[in-house]
Amino acid sequence: MTTSFLVCATVTAVSAFVSLGFSIASVPRANGQVRTLALYTCARSIAFAIISVVPFATGWSLWLEAVAVGMIILQVLDAGVGVAIRDRMKTFGPAVMAAANLAALVWLISR
């Protein structure tokens, strides 16, 4: 595994696990339909967290590229939610993660 591969895999996995942490944290505070939505968010985040560790075990570059693209899209959409609710932290946190993941992916692809 190259340095660019490891950096991209690490940034992607960190992004997935941070997203999972925020999803899990939202469940206990939610009630009713909001709780149902929080649980769906957790399910999505668990799936991304699991698939984000596969490249470490397999070294599959194409898998990593696909997961990285998925996390970039997810983080951009999360930043859009932050804009919609006018929360700077929920805007800039995901935006920075998306930018870092994009930079790592570009480095991986350009190697």
Protein backbone atom coordinates (compact mmCIF):
# COMPACT_ATOMS: atom_id res chain seq x y z
CA MET A 1 0.00 0.00 0.00
CA THR A 2 1.31 3.40 -0.98
CA THR A 3 1.34 6.49 1.21
CA SER A 4 -1.40 8.08 -0.89
CA PHE A 5 -3.53 4.96 -0.48
CA LEU A 6 -3.07 4.93 3.30
CA VAL A 7 -3.78 8.65 3.62
CA CYS A 8 -6.94 8.39 1.51
CA ALA A 9 -8.09 5.29 3.39
CA THR A 10 -7.43 6.95 6.74
CA VAL A 11 -9.20 10.21 5.86
CA THR A 12 -12.14 8.25 4.46
CA ALA A 13 -12.41 6.03 7.54
CA VAL A 14 -12.08 8.99 9.93
CA SER A 15 -14.81 10.78 8.02
CA ALA A 16 -17.06 7.71 8.18
CA PHE A 17 -16.48 7.14 11.90
CA VAL A 18 -16.97 10.82 12.80
CA SER A 19 -20.25 10.74 10.90
CA LEU A 20 -21.18 7.56 12.78
CA GLY A 21 -20.36 9.19 16.11
CA PHE A 22 -22.62 12.15 15.41
CA SER A 23 -25.37 9.82 14.23
CA ILE A 24 -25.19 7.70 17.36
CA ALA A 25 -25.15 10.80 19.57
CA SER A 26 -28.38 12.06 18.00
CA VAL A 27 -30.44 8.95 18.85
CA PRO A 28 -30.85 9.33 22.66
CA ARG A 29 -32.01 12.96 22.32
CA ALA A 30 -34.65 12.19 19.69
CA ASN A 31 -38.28 11.16 20.10
CA GLY A 32 -41.01 9.90 17.77
CA GLN A 33 -40.45 10.33 14.06
CA VAL A 34 -37.23 12.26 14.68
CA ARG A 35 -35.88 9.20 16.50
CA THR A 36 -36.82 7.03 13.51
CA LEU A 37 -34.90 9.37 11.19
CA ALA A 38 -31.93 9.34 13.59
CA LEU A 39 -31.93 5.54 13.51
CA TYR A 40 -31.96 5.54 9.71
CA THR A 41 -29.02 7.93 9.78
CA CYS A 42 -27.22 5.54 12.12
CA ALA A 43 -27.86 2.65 9.74
CA ARG A 44 -26.34 4.62 6.84
CA SER A 45 -23.39 5.64 8.96
CA ILE A 46 -22.75 2.10 10.22
CA ALA A 47 -22.70 0.86 6.63
CA PHE A 48 -20.18 3.52 5.57
CA ALA A 49 -18.02 2.85 8.64
CA ILE A 50 -17.88 -0.86 7.84
CA ILE A 51 -17.10 -0.41 4.15
CA SER A 52 -14.48 2.24 4.94
CA VAL A 53 -12.25 -0.30 6.71
CA VAL A 54 -12.29 -2.82 3.84
CA PRO A 55 -9.41 -1.11 1.95
CA PHE A 56 -7.10 -1.57 4.95
CA ALA A 57 -7.68 -5.33 4.83
CA THR A 58 -7.73 -5.77 1.05
CA GLY A 59 -5.67 -2.98 -0.49
CA TRP A 60 -8.34 -2.56 -3.17
CA SER A 61 -7.82 0.85 -4.70
CA LEU A 62 -11.06 0.87 -6.71
CA TRP A 63 -13.06 0.04 -3.57
CA LEU A 64 -11.32 2.86 -1.72
CA GLU A 65 -12.04 5.29 -4.54
CA ALA A 66 -15.74 4.37 -4.49
CA VAL A 67 -16.00 4.68 -0.71
CA ALA A 68 -14.12 8.00 -0.76
CA VAL A 69 -16.48 9.39 -3.40
CA GLY A 70 -19.45 8.24 -1.34
CA MET A 71 -18.10 9.92 1.80
CA ILE A 72 -17.32 13.12 -0.10
CA ILE A 73 -20.91 13.26 -1.38
CA LEU A 74 -22.26 12.48 2.08
CA GLN A 75 -20.14 15.18 3.75
CA VAL A 76 -21.06 17.79 1.11
CA LEU A 77 -24.74 17.02 1.70
CA ASP A 78 -24.19 17.21 5.48
CA ALA A 79 -22.57 20.63 4.98
CA GLY A 80 -25.65 21.63 2.98
CA VAL A 81 -27.81 20.67 5.94
CA GLY A 82 -25.57 22.83 8.13
CA VAL A 83 -26.17 25.77 5.77
CA ALA A 84 -29.93 25.14 5.80
CA ILE A 85 -30.09 25.14 9.60
CA ARG A 86 -27.60 28.03 9.86
CA ASP A 87 -25.15 26.15 12.05
CA ARG A 88 -21.54 27.05 11.30
CA MET A 89 -20.06 23.98 13.00
CA LYS A 90 -22.39 21.65 11.10
CA THR A 91 -21.48 23.47 7.90
CA PHE A 92 -17.72 23.84 8.17
CA GLY A 93 -16.97 20.49 9.89
CA PRO A 94 -18.39 18.34 7.09
CA ALA A 95 -17.11 20.77 4.43
CA VAL A 96 -13.55 20.48 5.75
CA MET A 97 -13.84 16.68 5.89
CA ALA A 98 -15.16 16.62 2.31
CA ALA A 99 -12.30 18.84 1.12
CA ALA A 100 -9.70 16.72 2.92
CA ASN A 101 -11.20 13.53 1.50
CA LEU A 102 -11.28 15.05 -2.00
CA ALA A 103 -7.63 16.12 -1.73
CA ALA A 104 -6.62 12.64 -0.55
CA LEU A 105 -8.61 11.02 -3.36
CA VAL A 106 -7.06 13.28 -6.00
CA TRP A 107 -3.61 12.41 -4.65
CA LEU A 108 -4.45 8.68 -4.78
CA ILE A 109 -5.78 8.86 -8.33
CA SER A 110 -2.90 11.01 -9.63
CA ARG A 111 -0.16 8.70 -8.31
